[in-house]
Amino acid sequence: MKLNILIVDDSPVMRAMIIKTIKMSDLGENVFFQASNGHEGLEIMKNNWIDLVLADINMPVMNGEEMIDRMRGDDYLKDIPVLVVSTESSESRIEILEKKTSGFVHKPFTPEFIGNKILEVTGAKNG
């Protein structure tokens, strides 16, 4: 199953690494969209079909948590699964984020881990 995946991270290098890692995870061919902050991410979601969002939390302009809150308040975007991909280490903050999203992925991560997490969240078939 081909997925439309939005990567929201202020680091172009990290976005490229996430895409490369997902491609290495044997999930088949997917379409990737990229945004450097939550505001850009919301615009992409409003103009494209997105199956899954992978979002960092700490970004300029609009952080990931604010983007997620706005998604959850929007009838069109509220059901899009979101995986937070972050170096966040505060257990209390991670708990709050997990309640708002489909899960939390600590940076760095392996292709197997991210692949399994994407399969779990989207229900997509491998390859």
PDB file of N, CA and C in Angstrom:
ATOM      1  N   MET A   1       0.838  -1.188   0.000  1.00  0.00           N
ATOM      2  CA  MET A   1       0.000   0.000   0.000  1.00  0.00           C
ATOM      3  C   MET A   1       0.875   1.240   0.000  1.00  0.00           C
ATOM      4  N   LYS A   2       0.626   2.142  -0.912  1.00  0.00           N
ATOM      5  CA  LYS A   2       1.374   3.387  -0.987  1.00  0.00           C
ATOM      6  C   LYS A   2       0.756   4.390  -0.016  1.00  0.00           C
ATOM      7  N   LEU A   3       1.610   5.000   0.814  1.00  0.00           N
ATOM      8  CA  LEU A   3       1.159   5.995   1.780  1.00  0.00           C
ATOM      9  C   LEU A   3       1.659   7.381   1.397  1.00  0.00           C
ATOM     10  N   ASN A   4       0.848   8.381   1.661  1.00  0.00           N
ATOM     11  CA  ASN A   4       1.273   9.774   1.559  1.00  0.00           C
ATOM     12  C   ASN A   4       1.697  10.200   2.961  1.00  0.00           C
ATOM     13  N   ILE A   5       3.002  10.406   3.133  1.00  0.00           N
ATOM     14  CA  ILE A   5       3.574  10.676   4.451  1.00  0.00           C
ATOM     15  C   ILE A   5       4.124  12.089   4.485  1.00  0.00           C
ATOM     16  N   LEU A   6       3.694  12.855   5.481  1.00  0.00           N
ATOM     17  CA  LEU A   6       4.188  14.214   5.692  1.00  0.00           C
ATOM     18  C   LEU A   6       5.210  14.200   6.821  1.00  0.00           C
ATOM     19  N   ILE A   7       6.411  14.705   6.536  1.00  0.00           N
ATOM     20  CA  ILE A   7       7.468  14.834   7.535  1.00  0.00           C
ATOM     21  C   ILE A   7       7.551  16.305   7.910  1.00  0.00           C
ATOM     22  N   VAL A   8       7.318  16.620   9.194  1.00  0.00           N
ATOM     23  CA  VAL A   8       7.373  18.004   9.664  1.00  0.00           C
ATOM     24  C   VAL A   8       8.525  18.122  10.658  1.00  0.00           C
ATOM     25  N   ASP A   9       9.597  18.779  10.223  1.00  0.00           N
ATOM     26  CA  ASP A   9      10.794  18.946  11.054  1.00  0.00           C
ATOM     27  C   ASP A   9      11.534  20.161  10.525  1.00  0.00           C
ATOM     28  N   ASP A  10      12.058  20.992  11.412  1.00  0.00           N
ATOM     29  CA  ASP A  10      12.738  22.203  10.962  1.00  0.00           C
ATOM     30  C   ASP A  10      14.118  21.932  10.368  1.00  0.00           C
ATOM     31  N   SER A  11      14.638  20.736  10.543  1.00  0.00           N
ATOM     32  CA  SER A  11      15.948  20.385  10.000  1.00  0.00           C
ATOM     33  C   SER A  11      15.801  19.637   8.672  1.00  0.00           C
ATOM     34  N   PRO A  12      16.294  20.225   7.564  1.00  0.00           N
ATOM     35  CA  PRO A  12      16.239  19.510   6.281  1.00  0.00           C
ATOM     36  C   PRO A  12      17.025  18.204   6.329  1.00  0.00           C
ATOM     37  N   VAL A  13      18.118  18.180   7.075  1.00  0.00           N
ATOM     38  CA  VAL A  13      18.916  16.958   7.204  1.00  0.00           C
ATOM     39  C   VAL A  13      18.113  15.871   7.909  1.00  0.00           C
ATOM     40  N   MET A  14      17.415  16.227   8.971  1.00  0.00           N
ATOM     41  CA  MET A  14      16.602  15.248   9.699  1.00  0.00           C
ATOM     42  C   MET A  14      15.451  14.755   8.830  1.00  0.00           C
ATOM     43  N   ARG A  15      14.814  15.641   8.065  1.00  0.00           N
ATOM     44  CA  ARG A  15      13.736  15.201   7.177  1.00  0.00           C
ATOM     45  C   ARG A  15      14.269  14.189   6.176  1.00  0.00           C
ATOM     46  N   ALA A  16      15.443  14.465   5.606  1.00  0.00           N
ATOM     47  CA  ALA A  16      16.048  13.540   4.646  1.00  0.00           C
ATOM     48  C   ALA A  16      16.398  12.211   5.311  1.00  0.00           C
ATOM     49  N   MET A  17      16.893  12.257   6.546  1.00  0.00           N
ATOM     50  CA  MET A  17      17.235  11.022   7.264  1.00  0.00           C
ATOM     51  C   MET A  17      15.991  10.197   7.561  1.00  0.00           C
ATOM     52  N   ILE A  18      14.906  10.857   7.946  1.00  0.00           N
ATOM     53  CA  ILE A  18      13.657  10.145   8.231  1.00  0.00           C
ATOM     54  C   ILE A  18      13.148   9.466   6.954  1.00  0.00           C
ATOM     55  N   ILE A  19      13.152  10.193   5.851  1.00  0.00           N
ATOM     56  CA  ILE A  19      12.701   9.615   4.579  1.00  0.00           C
ATOM     57  C   ILE A  19      13.571   8.429   4.190  1.00  0.00           C
ATOM     58  N   LYS A  20      14.892   8.590   4.286  1.00  0.00           N
ATOM     59  CA  LYS A  20      15.806   7.502   3.943  1.00  0.00           C
ATOM     60  C   LYS A  20      15.562   6.281   4.829  1.00  0.00           C
ATOM     61  N   THR A  21      15.359   6.510   6.118  1.00  0.00           N
ATOM     62  CA  THR A  21      15.129   5.407   7.051  1.00  0.00           C
ATOM     63  C   THR A  21      13.822   4.687   6.747  1.00  0.00           C
ATOM     64  N   ILE A  22      12.775   5.452   6.417  1.00  0.00           N
ATOM     65  CA  ILE A  22      11.501   4.827   6.055  1.00  0.00           C
ATOM     66  C   ILE A  22      11.666   3.996   4.785  1.00  0.00           C
ATOM     67  N   LYS A  23      12.396   4.525   3.810  1.00  0.00           N
ATOM     68  CA  LYS A  23      12.629   3.768   2.575  1.00  0.00           C
ATOM     69  C   LYS A  23      13.388   2.476   2.854  1.00  0.00           C
ATOM     70  N   MET A  24      14.300   2.498   3.823  1.00  0.00           N
ATOM     71  CA  MET A  24      15.061   1.303   4.197  1.00  0.00           C
ATOM     72  C   MET A  24      14.214   0.289   4.967  1.00  0.00           C
ATOM     73  N   SER A  25      13.050   0.713   5.450  1.00  0.00           N
ATOM     74  CA  SER A  25      12.222  -0.152   6.299  1.00  0.00           C
ATOM     75  C   SER A  25      11.365  -1.129   5.496  1.00  0.00           C
ATOM     76  N   ASP A  26      11.478  -1.127   4.189  1.00  0.00           N
ATOM     77  CA  ASP A  26      10.770  -2.077   3.334  1.00  0.00           C
ATOM     78  C   ASP A  26       9.252  -1.897   3.383  1.00  0.00           C
ATOM     79  N   LEU A  27       8.807  -0.654   3.383  1.00  0.00           N
ATOM     80  CA  LEU A  27       7.371  -0.375   3.359  1.00  0.00           C
ATOM     81  C   LEU A  27       6.848  -0.150   1.953  1.00  0.00           C
ATOM     82  N   GLY A  28       7.677  -0.363   0.961  1.00  0.00           N
ATOM     83  CA  GLY A  28       7.249  -0.137  -0.405  1.00  0.00           C
ATOM     84  C   GLY A  28       7.438   1.314  -0.806  1.00  0.00           C
ATOM     85  N   GLU A  29       6.903   1.657  -1.970  1.00  0.00           N
ATOM     86  CA  GLU A  29       7.025   3.019  -2.487  1.00  0.00           C
ATOM     87  C   GLU A  29       5.973   3.906  -1.833  1.00  0.00           C
ATOM     88  N   ASN A  30       6.408   5.013  -1.255  1.00  0.00           N
ATOM     89  CA  ASN A  30       5.510   5.976  -0.633  1.00  0.00           C
ATOM     90  C   ASN A  30       5.769   7.353  -1.223  1.00  0.00           C
ATOM     91  N   VAL A  31       4.833   8.254  -1.016  1.00  0.00           N
ATOM     92  CA  VAL A  31       4.985   9.637  -1.450  1.00  0.00           C
ATOM     93  C   VAL A  31       5.268  10.456  -0.202  1.00  0.00           C
ATOM     94  N   PHE A  32       6.317  11.266  -0.270  1.00  0.00           N
ATOM     95  CA  PHE A  32       6.720  12.061   0.884  1.00  0.00           C
ATOM     96  C   PHE A  32       6.487  13.540   0.625  1.00  0.00           C
ATOM     97  N   PHE A  33       5.911  14.190   1.614  1.00  0.00           N
ATOM     98  CA  PHE A  33       5.756  15.640   1.638  1.00  0.00           C
ATOM     99  C   PHE A  33       6.613  16.139   2.789  1.00  0.00           C
ATOM    100  N   GLN A  34       7.111  17.382   2.691  1.00  0.00           N
ATOM    101  CA  GLN A  34       7.976  17.911   3.736  1.00  0.00           C
ATOM    102  C   GLN A  34       7.553  19.318   4.126  1.00  0.00           C
ATOM    103  N   ALA A  35       7.657  19.595   5.431  1.00  0.00           N
ATOM    104  CA  ALA A  35       7.389  20.929   5.962  1.00  0.00           C
ATOM    105  C   ALA A  35       8.416  21.231   7.038  1.00  0.00           C
ATOM    106  N   SER A  36       8.784  22.507   7.163  1.00  0.00           N
ATOM    107  CA  SER A  36       9.810  22.883   8.136  1.00  0.00           C
ATOM    108  C   SER A  36       9.232  23.410   9.443  1.00  0.00           C
ATOM    109  N   ASN A  37       7.892  23.508   9.543  1.00  0.00           N
ATOM    110  CA  ASN A  37       7.251  23.911  10.797  1.00  0.00           C
ATOM    111  C   ASN A  37       5.776  23.523  10.744  1.00  0.00           C
ATOM    112  N   GLY A  38       5.106  23.667  11.866  1.00  0.00           N
ATOM    113  CA  GLY A  38       3.713  23.255  11.953  1.00  0.00           C
ATOM    114  C   GLY A  38       2.784  24.009  11.024  1.00  0.00           C
ATOM    115  N   HIS A  39       3.044  25.303  10.830  1.00  0.00           N
ATOM    116  CA  HIS A  39       2.205  26.097   9.931  1.00  0.00           C
ATOM    117  C   HIS A  39       2.266  25.554   8.507  1.00  0.00           C
ATOM    118  N   GLU A  40       3.492  25.287   8.014  1.00  0.00           N
ATOM    119  CA  GLU A  40       3.638  24.699   6.682  1.00  0.00           C
ATOM    120  C   GLU A  40       2.982  23.326   6.616  1.00  0.00           C
ATOM    121  N   GLY A  41       3.116  22.555   7.692  1.00  0.00           N
ATOM    122  CA  GLY A  41       2.506  21.234   7.744  1.00  0.00           C
ATOM    123  C   GLY A  41       1.003  21.290   7.590  1.00  0.00           C
ATOM    124  N   LEU A  42       0.346  22.225   8.301  1.00  0.00           N
ATOM    125  CA  LEU A  42      -1.106  22.370   8.188  1.00  0.00           C
ATOM    126  C   LEU A  42      -1.516  22.740   6.767  1.00  0.00           C
ATOM    127  N   GLU A  43      -0.759  23.629   6.127  1.00  0.00           N
ATOM    128  CA  GLU A  43      -1.065  24.021   4.747  1.00  0.00           C
ATOM    129  C   GLU A  43      -0.968  22.823   3.807  1.00  0.00           C
ATOM    130  N   ILE A  44       0.065  22.019   3.967  1.00  0.00           N
ATOM    131  CA  ILE A  44       0.214  20.829   3.117  1.00  0.00           C
ATOM    132  C   ILE A  44      -0.944  19.865   3.341  1.00  0.00           C
ATOM    133  N   MET A  45      -1.342  19.671   4.610  1.00  0.00           N
ATOM    134  CA  MET A  45      -2.448  18.760   4.901  1.00  0.00           C
ATOM    135  C   MET A  45      -3.768  19.248   4.325  1.00  0.00           C
ATOM    136  N   LYS A  46      -3.958  20.560   4.284  1.00  0.00           N
ATOM    137  CA  LYS A  46      -5.209  21.098   3.753  1.00  0.00           C
ATOM    138  C   LYS A  46      -5.279  20.994   2.240  1.00  0.00           C
ATOM    139  N   ASN A  47      -4.117  20.858   1.585  1.00  0.00           N
ATOM    140  CA  ASN A  47      -4.078  20.847   0.119  1.00  0.00           C
ATOM    141  C   ASN A  47      -3.724  19.493  -0.486  1.00  0.00           C
ATOM    142  N   ASN A  48      -3.461  18.483   0.343  1.00  0.00           N
ATOM    143  CA  ASN A  48      -3.064  17.164  -0.147  1.00  0.00           C
ATOM    144  C   ASN A  48      -3.663  16.075   0.738  1.00  0.00           C
ATOM    145  N   TRP A  49      -3.879  14.913   0.143  1.00  0.00           N
ATOM    146  CA  TRP A  49      -4.305  13.761   0.933  1.00  0.00           C
ATOM    147  C   TRP A  49      -3.080  13.243   1.681  1.00  0.00           C
ATOM    148  N   ILE A  50      -3.155  13.209   3.006  1.00  0.00           N
ATOM    149  CA  ILE A  50      -2.051  12.741   3.836  1.00  0.00           C
ATOM    150  C   ILE A  50      -2.551  11.565   4.680  1.00  0.00           C
ATOM    151  N   ASP A  51      -1.817  10.443   4.629  1.00  0.00           N
ATOM    152  CA  ASP A  51      -2.176   9.255   5.398  1.00  0.00           C
ATOM    153  C   ASP A  51      -1.537   9.229   6.779  1.00  0.00           C
ATOM    154  N   LEU A  52      -0.389   9.893   6.919  1.00  0.00           N
ATOM    155  CA  LEU A  52       0.365   9.833   8.161  1.00  0.00           C
ATOM    156  C   LEU A  52       1.260  11.057   8.264  1.00  0.00           C
ATOM    157  N   VAL A  53       1.346  11.613   9.490  1.00  0.00           N
ATOM    158  CA  VAL A  53       2.248  12.730   9.769  1.00  0.00           C
ATOM    159  C   VAL A  53       3.295  12.266  10.763  1.00  0.00           C
ATOM    160  N   LEU A  54       4.569  12.529  10.461  1.00  0.00           N
ATOM    161  CA  LEU A  54       5.659  12.339  11.416  1.00  0.00           C
ATOM    162  C   LEU A  54       6.146  13.732  11.765  1.00  0.00           C
ATOM    163  N   ALA A  55       6.028  14.121  13.028  1.00  0.00           N
ATOM    164  CA  ALA A  55       6.296  15.508  13.401  1.00  0.00           C
ATOM    165  C   ALA A  55       7.267  15.624  14.560  1.00  0.00           C
ATOM    166  N   ASP A  56       8.195  16.545  14.409  1.00  0.00           N
ATOM    167  CA  ASP A  56       9.058  16.955  15.509  1.00  0.00           C
ATOM    168  C   ASP A  56       8.231  17.873  16.405  1.00  0.00           C
ATOM    169  N   ILE A  57       8.707  18.119  17.597  1.00  0.00           N
ATOM    170  CA  ILE A  57       7.997  19.005  18.516  1.00  0.00           C
ATOM    171  C   ILE A  57       8.590  20.402  18.536  1.00  0.00           C
ATOM    172  N   ASN A  58       9.897  20.501  18.671  1.00  0.00           N
ATOM    173  CA  ASN A  58      10.555  21.801  18.818  1.00  0.00           C
ATOM    174  C   ASN A  58      10.925  22.377  17.460  1.00  0.00           C
ATOM    175  N   MET A  59      10.083  23.335  16.999  1.00  0.00           N
ATOM    176  CA  MET A  59      10.296  23.986  15.709  1.00  0.00           C
ATOM    177  C   MET A  59       9.914  25.455  15.829  1.00  0.00           C
ATOM    178  N   PRO A  60      10.500  26.312  14.985  1.00  0.00           N
ATOM    179  CA  PRO A  60      10.106  27.722  14.979  1.00  0.00           C
ATOM    180  C   PRO A  60       8.755  27.922  14.290  1.00  0.00           C
ATOM    181  N   VAL A  61       8.230  29.096  14.350  1.00  0.00           N
ATOM    182  CA  VAL A  61       6.972  29.535  13.743  1.00  0.00           C
ATOM    183  C   VAL A  61       5.778  28.876  14.433  1.00  0.00           C
ATOM    184  N   MET A  62       5.622  27.570  14.292  1.00  0.00           N
ATOM    185  CA  MET A  62       4.594  26.812  15.007  1.00  0.00           C
ATOM    186  C   MET A  62       5.189  25.466  15.363  1.00  0.00           C
ATOM    187  N   ASN A  63       5.205  25.160  16.669  1.00  0.00           N
ATOM    188  CA  ASN A  63       5.801  23.884  17.084  1.00  0.00           C
ATOM    189  C   ASN A  63       4.859  22.721  16.784  1.00  0.00           C
ATOM    190  N   GLY A  64       5.386  21.521  16.934  1.00  0.00           N
ATOM    191  CA  GLY A  64       4.620  20.331  16.602  1.00  0.00           C
ATOM    192  C   GLY A  64       3.396  20.125  17.471  1.00  0.00           C
ATOM    193  N   GLU A  65       3.513  20.444  18.749  1.00  0.00           N
ATOM    194  CA  GLU A  65       2.362  20.254  19.638  1.00  0.00           C
ATOM    195  C   GLU A  65       1.213  21.183  19.257  1.00  0.00           C
ATOM    196  N   GLU A  66       1.520  22.434  18.917  1.00  0.00           N
ATOM    197  CA  GLU A  66       0.467  23.354  18.493  1.00  0.00           C
ATOM    198  C   GLU A  66      -0.158  22.881  17.181  1.00  0.00           C
ATOM    199  N   MET A  67       0.652  22.377  16.252  1.00  0.00           N
ATOM    200  CA  MET A  67       0.128  21.846  15.000  1.00  0.00           C
ATOM    201  C   MET A  67      -0.833  20.679  15.280  1.00  0.00           C
ATOM    202  N   ILE A  68      -0.431  19.776  16.173  1.00  0.00           N
ATOM    203  CA  ILE A  68      -1.278  18.626  16.523  1.00  0.00           C
ATOM    204  C   ILE A  68      -2.584  19.105  17.148  1.00  0.00           C
ATOM    205  N   ASP A  69      -2.511  20.084  18.043  1.00  0.00           N
ATOM    206  CA  ASP A  69      -3.728  20.620  18.665  1.00  0.00           C
ATOM    207  C   ASP A  69      -4.667  21.210  17.613  1.00  0.00           C
ATOM    208  N   ARG A  70      -4.110  21.915  16.648  1.00  0.00           N
ATOM    209  CA  ARG A  70      -4.943  22.491  15.584  1.00  0.00           C
ATOM    210  C   ARG A  70      -5.534  21.397  14.699  1.00  0.00           C
ATOM    211  N   MET A  71      -4.752  20.355  14.428  1.00  0.00           N
ATOM    212  CA  MET A  71      -5.275  19.222  13.648  1.00  0.00           C
ATOM    213  C   MET A  71      -6.458  18.598  14.368  1.00  0.00           C
ATOM    214  N   ARG A  72      -6.336  18.370  15.658  1.00  0.00           N
ATOM    215  CA  ARG A  72      -7.388  17.690  16.419  1.00  0.00           C
ATOM    216  C   ARG A  72      -8.655  18.535  16.510  1.00  0.00           C
ATOM    217  N   GLY A  73      -8.536  19.859  16.326  1.00  0.00           N
ATOM    218  CA  GLY A  73      -9.696  20.738  16.335  1.00  0.00           C
ATOM    219  C   GLY A  73     -10.289  20.982  14.955  1.00  0.00           C
ATOM    220  N   ASP A  74      -9.748  20.352  13.928  1.00  0.00           N
ATOM    221  CA  ASP A  74     -10.192  20.547  12.550  1.00  0.00           C
ATOM    222  C   ASP A  74     -10.878  19.272  12.064  1.00  0.00           C
ATOM    223  N   ASP A  75     -12.139  19.383  11.657  1.00  0.00           N
ATOM    224  CA  ASP A  75     -12.904  18.208  11.230  1.00  0.00           C
ATOM    225  C   ASP A  75     -12.236  17.449  10.086  1.00  0.00           C
ATOM    226  N   TYR A  76     -11.539  18.148   9.198  1.00  0.00           N
ATOM    227  CA  TYR A  76     -10.902  17.516   8.050  1.00  0.00           C
ATOM    228  C   TYR A  76      -9.602  16.806   8.436  1.00  0.00           C
ATOM    229  N   LEU A  77      -8.882  17.337   9.423  1.00  0.00           N
ATOM    230  CA  LEU A  77      -7.550  16.823   9.770  1.00  0.00           C
ATOM    231  C   LEU A  77      -7.506  15.971  11.032  1.00  0.00           C
ATOM    232  N   LYS A  78      -8.558  15.972  11.813  1.00  0.00           N
ATOM    233  CA  LYS A  78      -8.508  15.390  13.160  1.00  0.00           C
ATOM    234  C   LYS A  78      -8.203  13.896  13.218  1.00  0.00           C
ATOM    235  N   ASP A  79      -8.517  13.167  12.148  1.00  0.00           N
ATOM    236  CA  ASP A  79      -8.323  11.719  12.178  1.00  0.00           C
ATOM    237  C   ASP A  79      -7.018  11.251  11.532  1.00  0.00           C
ATOM    238  N   ILE A  80      -6.196  12.183  11.056  1.00  0.00           N
ATOM    239  CA  ILE A  80      -4.919  11.794  10.461  1.00  0.00           C
ATOM    240  C   ILE A  80      -3.993  11.327  11.582  1.00  0.00           C
ATOM    241  N   PRO A  81      -3.446  10.112  11.479  1.00  0.00           N
ATOM    242  CA  PRO A  81      -2.539   9.647  12.528  1.00  0.00           C
ATOM    243  C   PRO A  81      -1.240  10.450  12.534  1.00  0.00           C
ATOM    244  N   VAL A  82      -0.745  10.721  13.743  1.00  0.00           N
ATOM    245  CA  VAL A  82       0.493  11.478  13.924  1.00  0.00           C
ATOM    246  C   VAL A  82       1.434  10.674  14.802  1.00  0.00           C
ATOM    247  N   LEU A  83       2.667  10.520  14.324  1.00  0.00           N
ATOM    248  CA  LEU A  83       3.746   9.982  15.148  1.00  0.00           C
ATOM    249  C   LEU A  83       4.687  11.132  15.461  1.00  0.00           C
ATOM    250  N   VAL A  84       4.937  11.355  16.736  1.00  0.00           N
ATOM    251  CA  VAL A  84       5.916  12.358  17.129  1.00  0.00           C
ATOM    252  C   VAL A  84       7.292  11.711  17.027  1.00  0.00           C
ATOM    253  N   VAL A  85       8.203  12.381  16.325  1.00  0.00           N
ATOM    254  CA  VAL A  85       9.573  11.907  16.172  1.00  0.00           C
ATOM    255  C   VAL A  85      10.468  12.982  16.777  1.00  0.00           C
ATOM    256  N   SER A  86      11.009  12.691  17.960  1.00  0.00           N
ATOM    257  CA  SER A  86      11.680  13.748  18.708  1.00  0.00           C
ATOM    258  C   SER A  86      12.758  13.199  19.632  1.00  0.00           C
ATOM    259  N   THR A  87      13.609  14.098  20.092  1.00  0.00           N
ATOM    260  CA  THR A  87      14.606  13.765  21.110  1.00  0.00           C
ATOM    261  C   THR A  87      14.083  14.102  22.499  1.00  0.00           C
ATOM    262  N   GLU A  88      12.835  14.521  22.596  1.00  0.00           N
ATOM    263  CA  GLU A  88      12.237  14.893  23.888  1.00  0.00           C
ATOM    264  C   GLU A  88      12.494  13.800  24.917  1.00  0.00           C
ATOM    265  N   SER A  89      12.912  14.212  26.127  1.00  0.00           N
ATOM    266  CA  SER A  89      13.217  13.219  27.157  1.00  0.00           C
ATOM    267  C   SER A  89      12.350  13.352  28.400  1.00  0.00           C
ATOM    268  N   SER A  90      11.546  14.402  28.488  1.00  0.00           N
ATOM    269  CA  SER A  90      10.674  14.592  29.646  1.00  0.00           C
ATOM    270  C   SER A  90       9.524  13.583  29.590  1.00  0.00           C
ATOM    271  N   GLU A  91       9.503  12.669  30.548  1.00  0.00           N
ATOM    272  CA  GLU A  91       8.461  11.631  30.561  1.00  0.00           C
ATOM    273  C   GLU A  91       7.056  12.230  30.639  1.00  0.00           C
ATOM    274  N   SER A  92       6.892  13.305  31.426  1.00  0.00           N
ATOM    275  CA  SER A  92       5.556  13.903  31.549  1.00  0.00           C
ATOM    276  C   SER A  92       5.119  14.531  30.221  1.00  0.00           C
ATOM    277  N   ARG A  93       6.046  15.159  29.513  1.00  0.00           N
ATOM    278  CA  ARG A  93       5.705  15.754  28.214  1.00  0.00           C
ATOM    279  C   ARG A  93       5.404  14.658  27.199  1.00  0.00           C
ATOM    280  N   ILE A  94       6.172  13.581  27.207  1.00  0.00           N
ATOM    281  CA  ILE A  94       5.929  12.464  26.295  1.00  0.00           C
ATOM    282  C   ILE A  94       4.550  11.864  26.552  1.00  0.00           C
ATOM    283  N   GLU A  95       4.167  11.720  27.820  1.00  0.00           N
ATOM    284  CA  GLU A  95       2.828  11.196  28.163  1.00  0.00           C
ATOM    285  C   GLU A  95       1.732  12.072  27.577  1.00  0.00           C
ATOM    286  N   ILE A  96       1.886  13.383  27.707  1.00  0.00           N
ATOM    287  CA  ILE A  96       0.895  14.324  27.168  1.00  0.00           C
ATOM    288  C   ILE A  96       0.809  14.179  25.652  1.00  0.00           C
ATOM    289  N   LEU A  97       1.970  14.104  25.000  1.00  0.00           N
ATOM    290  CA  LEU A  97       2.001  13.974  23.546  1.00  0.00           C
ATOM    291  C   LEU A  97       1.393  12.656  23.081  1.00  0.00           C
ATOM    292  N   GLU A  98       1.652  11.575  23.800  1.00  0.00           N
ATOM    293  CA  GLU A  98       1.098  10.277  23.411  1.00  0.00           C
ATOM    294  C   GLU A  98      -0.421  10.260  23.486  1.00  0.00           C
ATOM    295  N   LYS A  99      -1.004  11.037  24.397  1.00  0.00           N
ATOM    296  CA  LYS A  99      -2.467  11.102  24.497  1.00  0.00           C
ATOM    297  C   LYS A  99      -3.080  11.819  23.304  1.00  0.00           C
ATOM    298  N   LYS A 100      -2.314  12.716  22.677  1.00  0.00           N
ATOM    299  CA  LYS A 100      -2.810  13.504  21.552  1.00  0.00           C
ATOM    300  C   LYS A 100      -2.505  12.855  20.204  1.00  0.00           C
ATOM    301  N   THR A 101      -1.644  11.843  20.192  1.00  0.00           N
ATOM    302  CA  THR A 101      -1.134  11.309  18.931  1.00  0.00           C
ATOM    303  C   THR A 101      -1.266   9.793  18.877  1.00  0.00           C
ATOM    304  N   SER A 102      -0.697   9.224  17.833  1.00  0.00           N
ATOM    305  CA  SER A 102      -0.696   7.773  17.658  1.00  0.00           C
ATOM    306  C   SER A 102       0.551   7.124  18.229  1.00  0.00           C
ATOM    307  N   GLY A 103       1.484   7.924  18.728  1.00  0.00           N
ATOM    308  CA  GLY A 103       2.682   7.350  19.326  1.00  0.00           C
ATOM    309  C   GLY A 103       3.863   8.295  19.303  1.00  0.00           C
ATOM    310  N   PHE A 104       4.918   7.855  19.960  1.00  0.00           N
ATOM    311  CA  PHE A 104       6.138   8.640  20.103  1.00  0.00           C
ATOM    312  C   PHE A 104       7.320   7.792  19.652  1.00  0.00           C
ATOM    313  N   VAL A 105       8.174   8.364  18.826  1.00  0.00           N
ATOM    314  CA  VAL A 105       9.371   7.689  18.342  1.00  0.00           C
ATOM    315  C   VAL A 105      10.569   8.534  18.755  1.00  0.00           C
ATOM    316  N   HIS A 106      11.465   7.945  19.538  1.00  0.00           N
ATOM    317  CA  HIS A 106      12.681   8.654  19.947  1.00  0.00           C
ATOM    318  C   HIS A 106      13.702   8.651  18.823  1.00  0.00           C
ATOM    319  N   LYS A 107      14.316   9.812  18.585  1.00  0.00           N
ATOM    320  CA  LYS A 107      15.466   9.901  17.692  1.00  0.00           C
ATOM    321  C   LYS A 107      16.687   9.474  18.487  1.00  0.00           C
ATOM    322  N   PRO A 108      17.595   8.717  17.928  1.00  0.00           N
ATOM    323  CA  PRO A 108      17.551   8.051  16.627  1.00  0.00           C
ATOM    324  C   PRO A 108      16.733   6.766  16.710  1.00  0.00           C
ATOM    325  N   PHE A 109      16.370   6.224  15.554  1.00  0.00           N
ATOM    326  CA  PHE A 109      15.564   5.005  15.487  1.00  0.00           C
ATOM    327  C   PHE A 109      16.049   4.162  14.319  1.00  0.00           C
ATOM    328  N   THR A 110      15.700   2.904  14.327  1.00  0.00           N
ATOM    329  CA  THR A 110      16.120   1.979  13.265  1.00  0.00           C
ATOM    330  C   THR A 110      15.032   1.894  12.193  1.00  0.00           C
ATOM    331  N   PRO A 111      15.408   1.461  10.985  1.00  0.00           N
ATOM    332  CA  PRO A 111      14.392   1.244   9.945  1.00  0.00           C
ATOM    333  C   PRO A 111      13.317   0.257  10.383  1.00  0.00           C
ATOM    334  N   GLU A 112      13.719  -0.799  11.089  1.00  0.00           N
ATOM    335  CA  GLU A 112      12.745  -1.800  11.548  1.00  0.00           C
ATOM    336  C   GLU A 112      11.750  -1.178  12.523  1.00  0.00           C
ATOM    337  N   PHE A 113      12.254  -0.370  13.457  1.00  0.00           N
ATOM    338  CA  PHE A 113      11.371   0.223  14.456  1.00  0.00           C
ATOM    339  C   PHE A 113      10.367   1.171  13.803  1.00  0.00           C
ATOM    340  N   ILE A 114      10.860   2.091  12.965  1.00  0.00           N
ATOM    341  CA  ILE A 114       9.951   3.056  12.344  1.00  0.00           C
ATOM    342  C   ILE A 114       8.988   2.355  11.395  1.00  0.00           C
ATOM    343  N   GLY A 115       9.469   1.347  10.681  1.00  0.00           N
ATOM    344  CA  GLY A 115       8.594   0.593   9.780  1.00  0.00           C
ATOM    345  C   GLY A 115       7.472  -0.094  10.528  1.00  0.00           C
ATOM    346  N   ASN A 116       7.810  -0.756  11.621  1.00  0.00           N
ATOM    347  CA  ASN A 116       6.792  -1.436  12.431  1.00  0.00           C
ATOM    348  C   ASN A 116       5.806  -0.445  13.030  1.00  0.00           C
ATOM    349  N   LYS A 117       6.301   0.697  13.468  1.00  0.00           N
ATOM    350  CA  LYS A 117       5.425   1.713  14.067  1.00  0.00           C
ATOM    351  C   LYS A 117       4.449   2.256  13.016  1.00  0.00           C
ATOM    352  N   ILE A 118       4.941   2.491  11.799  1.00  0.00           N
ATOM    353  CA  ILE A 118       4.075   2.987  10.721  1.00  0.00           C
ATOM    354  C   ILE A 118       3.017   1.944  10.364  1.00  0.00           C
ATOM    355  N   LEU A 119       3.417   0.676  10.277  1.00  0.00           N
ATOM    356  CA  LEU A 119       2.456  -0.391   9.999  1.00  0.00           C
ATOM    357  C   LEU A 119       1.388  -0.462  11.094  1.00  0.00           C
ATOM    358  N   GLU A 120       1.834  -0.357  12.335  1.00  0.00           N
ATOM    359  CA  GLU A 120       0.915  -0.416  13.474  1.00  0.00           C
ATOM    360  C   GLU A 120      -0.089   0.727  13.434  1.00  0.00           C
ATOM    361  N   VAL A 121       0.359   1.927  13.137  1.00  0.00           N
ATOM    362  CA  VAL A 121      -0.486   3.119  13.178  1.00  0.00           C
ATOM    363  C   VAL A 121      -1.432   3.211  11.985  1.00  0.00           C
ATOM    364  N   THR A 122      -0.953   2.823  10.803  1.00  0.00           N
ATOM    365  CA  THR A 122      -1.760   2.988   9.591  1.00  0.00           C
ATOM    366  C   THR A 122      -2.535   1.737   9.213  1.00  0.00           C
ATOM    367  N   GLY A 123      -2.107   0.586   9.695  1.00  0.00           N
ATOM    368  CA  GLY A 123      -2.737  -0.670   9.289  1.00  0.00           C
ATOM    369  C   GLY A 123      -2.372  -1.056   7.870  1.00  0.00           C
ATOM    370  N   ALA A 124      -1.342  -0.379   7.316  1.00  0.00           N
ATOM    371  CA  ALA A 124      -0.897  -0.682   5.954  1.00  0.00           C
ATOM    372  C   ALA A 124      -0.227  -2.053   5.905  1.00  0.00           C
ATOM    373  N   LYS A 125      -0.185  -2.603   4.740  1.00  0.00           N
ATOM    374  CA  LYS A 125       0.498  -3.886   4.531  1.00  0.00           C
ATOM    375  C   LYS A 125       1.948  -3.619   4.145  1.00  0.00           C
ATOM    376  N   ASN A 126       2.830  -4.496   4.525  1.00  0.00           N
ATOM    377  CA  ASN A 126       4.257  -4.385   4.212  1.00  0.00           C
ATOM    378  C   ASN A 126       4.489  -4.545   2.713  1.00  0.00           C
ATOM    379  N   GLY A 127       5.395  -3.675   2.152  1.00  0.00           N
ATOM    380  CA  GLY A 127       5.798  -3.787   0.746  1.00  0.00           C
ATOM    381  C   GLY A 127       4.715  -3.375  -0.158  1.00  0.00           C
TER     382      GLY A 127
END
